[in-house]
Amino acid sequence: MSSISNHNGAFDHTLVALRKIPGPILAILLALALGIGVNTAIFAVDYVVFLAPLPYPHPDELVVLQSDIQGHADGVPASDFINWKRQTTVFQDLNASTEGAFRITTQDGSENIVASLVTAGFYQMMGDRFYLGYGFTPEDETTGRDQVVILAHAMWKRLGANPAIIGATILMDGEPHTVVGVLAPGLRDRGAPVTVPLVFRPEPLNQDDQRMNVIGRLKPGVSIRQAQANIDRVVARTTRTYGNSNKGWSVSVEPIKNAAFPNERKLMIWLLLGVVAFVLLMECMSVANLLRLRAEAGYQLHS
């Protein structure tokens, strides 16, 4: 009871003290407090978006290659990815990924899932760690040998967390798939629960192929500008050789962190930065008014 009384007394004392503060000064103090809170929240968002390091080794080497048609970003056709992988010289590795729908059968029944499809070497290039097993090999990209699967750590736990699961099979679309790897817990648990190889079928590839995301890791010392110049030469050479009906078609090379945010989200970030600038301006005006009121009060006391 005494503790509650002490708290009530302190609260009453605070209210009395606040009532003694002149109205204009109290308004300025409230504006300052609001401004500090807003700035803290927005700067926290900016840190997560722009400053927080990506959970990959040497993330500055990771770039995204985006196809651009008349100012609109688009995925990359398989034919272009294969040409780029063969002809570019600035990448340690270049890999593609996309998504596909599957029906997986577990002990709890069947469910529809969205799986990742990646080329062999994707996870190794990104720097992902494996909890069990390993990533795909080039042989896994061959038709007829592609019924292998990598599990996200969360999915492995859902399936019973069997430490001997490597080499076991699970049913996907009614077909047995051999488990070759389990990813380490972390970022990948937020994405697709399973990953299967991205296989390019032997039939001729054309501009109507399924569009994919293409990520590369630059060789040490290679800049974004050098990578852009290299891909521009490859695109120009490919266009002259095979022809290209898309007018205004180009390819951009961007750091993976920049490319992770669509234009709408980037616009939102710029709007938040505008709010920061406005709030900072209001805080400066509040401080100026506070100093002016203090000076006026001091003048009245001495006059």
Protein backbone atom coordinates (compact mmCIF):
# COMPACT_ATOMS: atom_id res chain seq x y z
CA MET A 1 0.00 0.00 0.00
CA SER A 2 2.81 2.41 0.88
CA SER A 3 4.41 1.77 -2.51
CA ILE A 4 1.15 2.64 -4.30
CA SER A 5 0.82 5.82 -2.21
CA ASN A 6 4.36 6.85 -3.07
CA HIS A 7 3.66 6.38 -6.77
CA ASN A 8 0.43 8.37 -6.55
CA GLY A 9 2.24 11.14 -4.71
CA ALA A 10 4.96 11.32 -7.33
CA PHE A 11 2.33 11.43 -10.09
CA ASP A 12 0.46 14.27 -8.36
CA HIS A 13 3.71 16.17 -7.88
CA THR A 14 4.45 15.78 -11.60
CA LEU A 15 1.01 17.14 -12.54
CA VAL A 16 1.50 20.15 -10.26
CA ALA A 17 4.89 20.83 -11.82
CA LEU A 18 3.46 20.58 -15.35
CA ARG A 19 0.67 23.06 -14.47
CA LYS A 20 3.30 25.60 -13.44
CA ILE A 21 4.98 25.49 -16.86
CA PRO A 22 3.73 28.29 -19.14
CA GLY A 23 1.49 27.10 -21.94
CA PRO A 24 3.77 28.08 -24.86
CA ILE A 25 6.79 26.39 -23.28
CA LEU A 26 4.78 23.24 -22.51
CA ALA A 27 3.62 23.10 -26.14
CA ILE A 28 7.22 23.42 -27.32
CA LEU A 29 8.36 20.64 -24.96
CA LEU A 30 5.59 18.36 -26.19
CA ALA A 31 6.56 19.10 -29.81
CA LEU A 32 10.18 18.27 -29.00
CA ALA A 33 9.19 14.98 -27.34
CA LEU A 34 6.98 14.04 -30.30
CA GLY A 35 9.73 14.96 -32.75
CA ILE A 36 12.33 12.90 -30.93
CA GLY A 37 10.01 9.89 -30.87
CA VAL A 38 9.15 10.16 -34.58
CA ASN A 39 12.80 10.62 -35.55
CA THR A 40 13.85 7.62 -33.47
CA ALA A 41 11.23 5.40 -35.12
CA ILE A 42 12.05 6.55 -38.66
CA PHE A 43 15.80 6.30 -38.18
CA ALA A 44 15.23 2.73 -36.92
CA VAL A 45 13.39 1.96 -40.16
CA ASP A 46 16.18 3.58 -42.20
CA TYR A 47 18.77 1.46 -40.41
CA VAL A 48 16.91 -1.75 -41.21
CA VAL A 49 16.47 -0.74 -44.86
CA PHE A 50 19.76 0.93 -45.74
CA LEU A 51 22.38 0.24 -43.08
CA ALA A 52 21.73 -3.19 -41.55
CA PRO A 53 24.20 -5.68 -43.04
CA LEU A 54 22.82 -8.50 -45.16
CA PRO A 55 23.29 -12.00 -43.66
CA TYR A 56 25.65 -13.11 -46.41
CA PRO A 57 29.45 -13.13 -46.67
CA HIS A 58 30.76 -10.14 -48.67
CA PRO A 59 27.24 -8.84 -49.46
CA ASP A 60 28.69 -5.96 -51.48
CA GLU A 61 29.65 -8.51 -54.15
CA LEU A 62 26.05 -9.68 -54.66
CA VAL A 63 24.12 -8.04 -57.48
CA VAL A 64 20.81 -8.55 -59.23
CA LEU A 65 20.50 -8.50 -63.02
CA GLN A 66 17.12 -7.16 -64.10
CA SER A 67 15.64 -7.07 -67.57
CA ASP A 68 14.08 -3.70 -68.36
CA ILE A 69 11.60 -3.19 -71.19
CA GLN A 70 10.64 0.43 -71.87
CA GLY A 71 11.19 1.41 -68.24
CA HIS A 72 9.39 -1.57 -66.71
CA ALA A 73 11.41 -4.14 -64.74
CA ASP A 74 10.81 -7.71 -65.82
CA GLY A 75 12.13 -11.17 -65.08
CA VAL A 76 14.85 -12.78 -67.16
CA PRO A 77 14.08 -15.51 -69.74
CA ALA A 78 16.05 -18.73 -69.53
CA SER A 79 17.69 -18.09 -72.92
CA ASP A 80 19.14 -14.78 -71.72
CA PHE A 81 20.37 -16.25 -68.43
CA ILE A 82 22.20 -19.03 -70.25
CA ASN A 83 23.83 -16.55 -72.64
CA TRP A 84 24.90 -14.26 -69.80
CA LYS A 85 26.34 -17.13 -67.79
CA ARG A 86 28.40 -18.29 -70.77
CA GLN A 87 29.65 -14.91 -71.94
CA THR A 88 30.08 -12.60 -68.94
CA THR A 89 33.53 -12.37 -67.37
CA VAL A 90 32.97 -10.28 -64.24
CA PHE A 91 31.14 -12.78 -62.05
CA GLN A 92 32.44 -15.48 -59.74
CA ASP A 93 29.11 -17.18 -60.37
CA LEU A 94 25.70 -16.41 -61.82
CA ASN A 95 22.53 -18.21 -60.71
CA ALA A 96 18.81 -18.06 -61.32
CA SER A 97 15.76 -18.68 -59.16
CA THR A 98 12.00 -18.74 -59.50
CA GLU A 99 9.00 -20.31 -57.76
CA GLY A 100 6.62 -23.16 -58.45
CA ALA A 101 3.55 -24.74 -56.91
CA PHE A 102 3.76 -28.27 -55.52
CA ARG A 103 1.65 -30.58 -53.41
CA ILE A 104 3.65 -32.18 -50.63
CA THR A 105 2.58 -35.22 -48.63
CA THR A 106 3.50 -35.38 -44.93
CA GLN A 107 2.40 -37.42 -41.95
CA ASP A 108 -0.32 -34.82 -41.35
CA GLY A 109 -1.71 -35.16 -44.87
CA SER A 110 -1.22 -33.30 -48.14
CA GLU A 111 -0.87 -29.54 -48.60
CA ASN A 112 -0.14 -27.12 -51.38
CA ILE A 113 3.11 -25.21 -51.04
CA VAL A 114 5.16 -22.70 -53.02
CA ALA A 115 8.67 -24.05 -53.54
CA SER A 116 11.85 -22.30 -54.63
CA LEU A 117 13.48 -23.47 -57.84
CA VAL A 118 17.19 -22.62 -58.03
CA THR A 119 20.15 -23.49 -60.22
CA ALA A 120 22.96 -25.61 -58.83
CA GLY A 121 25.38 -23.46 -56.86
CA PHE A 122 22.77 -20.88 -55.82
CA TYR A 123 23.01 -21.40 -52.07
CA GLN A 124 26.79 -21.83 -52.20
CA MET A 125 27.10 -18.53 -54.08
CA MET A 126 24.85 -16.73 -51.61
CA GLY A 127 26.83 -18.13 -48.69
CA ASP A 128 23.97 -20.05 -47.06
CA ARG A 129 25.01 -22.64 -44.48
CA PHE A 130 23.64 -26.16 -44.38
CA TYR A 131 22.52 -27.80 -41.16
CA LEU A 132 22.57 -31.22 -42.82
CA GLY A 133 23.68 -32.43 -46.21
CA TYR A 134 24.67 -30.19 -49.11
CA GLY A 135 23.37 -28.12 -52.02
CA PHE A 136 22.48 -29.19 -55.53
CA THR A 137 25.14 -30.37 -57.96
CA PRO A 138 25.17 -29.76 -61.75
CA GLU A 139 23.95 -33.34 -62.24
CA ASP A 140 20.78 -32.46 -60.30
CA GLU A 141 19.84 -30.01 -63.09
CA THR A 142 19.50 -32.91 -65.54
CA THR A 143 16.03 -34.07 -66.52
CA GLY A 144 15.35 -37.40 -64.85
CA ARG A 145 17.84 -36.75 -62.04
CA ASP A 146 16.17 -33.63 -60.69
CA GLN A 147 13.88 -35.30 -58.14
CA VAL A 148 15.91 -34.06 -55.20
CA VAL A 149 14.93 -31.52 -52.57
CA ILE A 150 16.46 -29.19 -49.99
CA LEU A 151 14.41 -28.46 -46.87
CA ALA A 152 14.25 -25.22 -44.94
CA HIS A 153 15.14 -25.82 -41.30
CA ALA A 154 11.59 -25.02 -40.17
CA MET A 155 10.19 -27.56 -42.66
CA TRP A 156 12.67 -30.18 -41.45
CA LYS A 157 11.37 -29.66 -37.91
CA ARG A 158 7.78 -29.99 -39.15
CA LEU A 159 8.70 -33.33 -40.70
CA GLY A 160 9.96 -34.63 -37.37
CA ALA A 161 13.52 -33.22 -37.19
CA ASN A 162 15.01 -36.57 -38.17
CA PRO A 163 18.85 -36.19 -38.05
CA ALA A 164 19.14 -39.05 -40.54
CA ILE A 165 16.79 -37.50 -43.12
CA ILE A 166 19.50 -37.11 -45.79
CA GLY A 167 18.81 -39.77 -48.38
CA ALA A 168 15.20 -40.23 -47.28
CA THR A 169 12.35 -39.46 -49.69
CA ILE A 170 9.29 -37.25 -49.48
CA LEU A 171 6.37 -37.15 -51.90
CA MET A 172 5.90 -34.02 -53.99
CA ASP A 173 3.16 -34.05 -56.64
CA GLY A 174 2.97 -37.78 -55.98
CA GLU A 175 6.59 -38.34 -56.99
CA PRO A 176 9.38 -39.36 -54.56
CA HIS A 177 12.04 -36.71 -54.04
CA THR A 178 15.29 -37.49 -52.24
CA VAL A 179 16.30 -35.09 -49.48
CA VAL A 180 19.90 -33.96 -50.07
CA GLY A 181 20.13 -31.01 -47.69
CA VAL A 182 18.64 -29.07 -44.78
CA LEU A 183 19.39 -25.36 -44.59
CA ALA A 184 20.60 -23.80 -41.35
CA PRO A 185 17.94 -21.96 -39.31
CA GLY A 186 17.53 -18.29 -40.05
CA LEU A 187 16.50 -16.08 -42.93
CA ARG A 188 15.48 -18.91 -45.28
CA ASP A 189 12.83 -20.07 -42.80
CA ARG A 190 10.81 -16.99 -43.79
CA GLY A 191 10.66 -18.12 -47.41
CA ALA A 192 9.78 -21.29 -49.27
CA PRO A 193 9.73 -24.47 -47.14
CA VAL A 194 11.41 -26.58 -49.83
CA THR A 195 13.73 -26.02 -52.78
CA VAL A 196 14.03 -28.11 -55.95
CA PRO A 197 16.46 -27.77 -58.88
CA LEU A 198 15.68 -25.32 -61.66
CA VAL A 199 15.99 -27.44 -64.80
CA PHE A 200 16.19 -26.07 -68.34
CA ARG A 201 14.45 -28.47 -70.67
CA PRO A 202 16.18 -29.50 -73.90
CA GLU A 203 13.51 -27.94 -76.12
CA PRO A 204 14.52 -24.64 -77.78
CA LEU A 205 14.52 -21.68 -75.43
CA ASN A 206 12.80 -18.47 -76.49
CA GLN A 207 11.62 -15.12 -75.14
CA ASP A 208 8.39 -16.70 -73.89
CA ASP A 209 10.16 -18.87 -71.31
CA GLN A 210 9.30 -18.54 -67.66
CA ARG A 211 10.82 -15.38 -66.22
CA MET A 212 13.39 -15.79 -63.47
CA ASN A 213 15.38 -13.77 -60.97
CA VAL A 214 19.12 -13.66 -61.70
CA ILE A 215 21.70 -13.00 -58.99
CA GLY A 216 25.45 -12.86 -59.45
CA ARG A 217 28.49 -12.54 -57.21
CA LEU A 218 31.07 -10.14 -58.58
CA LYS A 219 34.72 -11.07 -58.74
CA PRO A 220 36.80 -9.28 -56.07
CA GLY A 221 37.62 -5.75 -57.14
CA VAL A 222 34.94 -5.55 -59.87
CA SER A 223 32.68 -2.50 -59.52
CA ILE A 224 29.01 -2.18 -60.40
CA ARG A 225 29.97 0.11 -63.29
CA GLN A 226 32.38 -2.49 -64.71
CA ALA A 227 29.76 -5.22 -64.38
CA GLN A 228 27.19 -3.02 -66.14
CA ALA A 229 29.59 -2.35 -69.01
CA ASN A 230 30.31 -6.07 -69.36
CA ILE A 231 26.65 -7.09 -69.44
CA ASP A 232 25.88 -4.28 -71.91
CA ARG A 233 28.48 -5.69 -74.32
CA VAL A 234 27.06 -9.20 -73.94
CA VAL A 235 23.49 -7.96 -74.51
CA ALA A 236 24.56 -6.00 -77.60
CA ARG A 237 26.41 -9.03 -78.98
CA THR A 238 23.45 -11.32 -78.31
CA THR A 239 21.04 -8.89 -79.93
CA ARG A 240 23.16 -8.67 -83.09
CA THR A 241 23.51 -12.46 -83.25
CA TYR A 242 19.98 -13.62 -82.47
CA GLY A 243 17.95 -10.46 -82.97
CA ASN A 244 15.61 -8.92 -80.42
CA SER A 245 12.08 -7.73 -81.13
CA ASN A 246 11.80 -5.79 -77.86
CA LYS A 247 12.48 -2.13 -78.48
CA GLY A 248 13.87 -0.26 -75.50
CA TRP A 249 15.15 -3.48 -73.94
CA SER A 250 18.09 -3.22 -71.55
CA VAL A 251 19.63 -4.97 -68.55
CA SER A 252 20.54 -3.27 -65.28
CA VAL A 253 23.00 -4.43 -62.63
CA GLU A 254 22.08 -3.34 -59.11
CA PRO A 255 23.34 -4.14 -55.60
CA ILE A 256 21.13 -6.81 -54.10
CA LYS A 257 19.99 -4.55 -51.25
CA ASN A 258 18.73 -1.87 -53.67
CA ALA A 259 17.00 -4.38 -55.90
CA ALA A 260 15.23 -6.01 -52.96
CA PHE A 261 12.86 -3.04 -52.72
CA PRO A 262 10.30 -2.28 -55.43
CA ASN A 263 9.85 1.31 -56.59
CA GLU A 264 6.71 1.71 -54.46
CA ARG A 265 8.63 0.84 -51.29
CA LYS A 266 11.51 3.11 -52.28
CA LEU A 267 8.98 5.94 -52.70
CA MET A 268 7.66 5.23 -49.23
CA ILE A 269 11.19 5.43 -47.81
CA TRP A 270 11.74 8.79 -49.49
CA LEU A 271 8.45 10.02 -48.04
CA LEU A 272 9.62 8.92 -44.59
CA LEU A 273 12.87 10.82 -45.09
CA GLY A 274 10.78 13.86 -46.03
CA VAL A 275 8.87 13.46 -42.77
CA VAL A 276 12.20 13.33 -40.91
CA ALA A 277 13.32 16.57 -42.53
CA PHE A 278 10.00 18.26 -41.68
CA VAL A 279 10.06 17.08 -38.06
CA LEU A 280 13.66 18.21 -37.67
CA LEU A 281 12.67 21.64 -39.00
CA MET A 282 9.81 21.81 -36.50
CA GLU A 283 12.18 20.82 -33.70
CA CYS A 284 14.59 23.59 -34.67
CA MET A 285 11.74 26.11 -34.67
CA SER A 286 10.62 24.83 -31.25
CA VAL A 287 14.11 25.23 -29.81
CA ALA A 288 14.34 28.72 -31.30
CA ASN A 289 10.99 29.68 -29.73
CA LEU A 290 12.06 28.19 -26.41
CA LEU A 291 15.24 30.26 -26.43
CA ARG A 292 13.26 33.36 -27.39
CA LEU A 293 10.79 32.86 -24.54
CA ARG A 294 13.65 32.30 -22.12
CA ALA A 295 15.35 35.48 -23.29
CA GLU A 296 12.10 37.45 -22.95
CA ALA A 297 11.56 36.07 -19.45
CA GLY A 298 15.10 37.05 -18.47
CA TYR A 299 14.63 40.55 -19.89
CA GLN A 300 11.40 41.03 -17.91
CA LEU A 301 13.11 39.94 -14.67
CA HIS A 302 15.93 42.48 -15.11
CA SER A 303 13.69 45.38 -16.20
